[in-house]
């Protein structure tokens, strides 16, 4: 027995020494810091952080303390919600600027709304509708955790006009690691917490390729996201409890985003938050994996004579433009400029200059030797400068539509759940729906105005109507088929009457899923529905619909 014990102890010692020798390395030094004034305006912070307001493990002041210990200067909280919670005003805690945002669930994935006023009704449902509402409320939105291994988290609506994209999400990164790698992580975490978390990062090829393809067509801000909850035990999907592990501080030390602000922060939370938010909105922001190398500094400009554009800017292409990138760089590292997704220039020094050959979007990356992942995660990822072709906008009237079927003759009826109330008042070429959803627990309350159609109707490619309501709201326009299948689109309605144009191509299948798109001429009824997607139990109001018609583009 003693011999067995000695052999076991020796084996454990060998295993310990092996794990110690192969532990994630400490960050390497990068140099030189080339612009102290720019560095002072480069503000490190955390993006996508959850607190006890939703499913995080700590309150915001404790998280601020963790961020301060990690050397961060701002935290953007993205607790889950529907936008109806009054945003907390910016404030300082532990010397860290706290900014409130909200992570909204949509049919196309999770969308983070930043810098948005309180919504007058719950935001949710179609991704494009949520994006429209966020913009209407003054906000800026980021599509969260694309390509997550969890289908209920993965962003899927790539046609939606979102403002930004998480090119890296820490919660997505660990999910694709091997069982052996995950088994080793706790040992590495006990030894070097932030380096252990960084060791689970890879180059997110699909997300970066998608981002590059999209910025070739339009501006799109890219960010690295912590998606921090303060421990797996805070996650409903974790399946096991590790209270406080991984910690907020370890995640914040692993990587951060850096906003390049227009002026130094002065300590006024509203003013400083405005500087940070504007930098994120404009794409004056880059991401750096601090557990790989430090310090991280990046400057990216496009110079054309006396004119200069900075990271995130767009300017017309000119043959005299020169792109200039400067960065801190570790020994053996490389500075890469990607234009429309292809490597257009590579430098082994801290500076790269390139004269582009035409209109394109270019973004910088800095790659460090020994970075974790297969393929390795880039150390620094910057946002793009957009070189645009000269475009002359055509002058003329908006597209004209021809009515293929007027729907003034329809007989409208109320459909609702038991307990909710609805009443219809027909008018000339219009109807008014008064509704009140049952004020009780959420149980799929709805009130709808519905009318039968006589299929097949004449060909049409859009639905036209004028809508107004007693208060800002959303109504779901739906075409229903025999058998109950419904195809829907959400429309914003407000007290001022507005003409709505719903392209048939914008209709999505109720309940999700792709489904085979039907011949919409065979729809058996049309509905205008108020339900809990964008309302709450007890909601009441008045909706008026007029001049309803099926139409198509003139000449089509």
Foldseek 3Di string as FASTA:
>chain_A
DVVVVVVVVVVVVVVVVVCVVPFQDFAAAWDDPDDVQQVLLWAWEAEAAEAPVALFDHHPLVLLCLLVVLVHAEYEYAHEFQQQDAFDAWDDHPNHIYAYWYWYQELQAIKIKGPFGRDPWGAYYHPLVNQVRSVVRVTAIEHPDAPAPDPSHHGHCLVRPHAAYAQAELVRQQVPDDPVLVVSLVVSCVVQNLSSSQQSDARSVVSVLSQLQVVQPPFYAYHHHHNHRQFLQSDPPSPDGDHRPPGSNSSSNQKTKIFRFPDRDDNDNNVVVVRRVVSRSQQRMKMFGNRHYDDKDKWKWKDAPVDIDTFSEEDADDQRIKIKMFITAGQPKKKFKAWSRHTPDIDRHRMDMDRDPHWTKIWMFIAHPPAHHVNHHTRMTGHIYGHHHDDDDDDDDDFDKDFQWWDQPWDKDKDWDPQKDWDWDRDRQKIKIWIWWAQDPADWTKMKIKTWDDPLGPDFFKKKKKKAKPAWWKKWKWFAAPVGKIWIDIDIHYHDIDMDIGTPVRTQTPPDDHDDDDRSSRGTMIMIMDTNSTHHHGDIIMMMIGRIGGIYGPPD
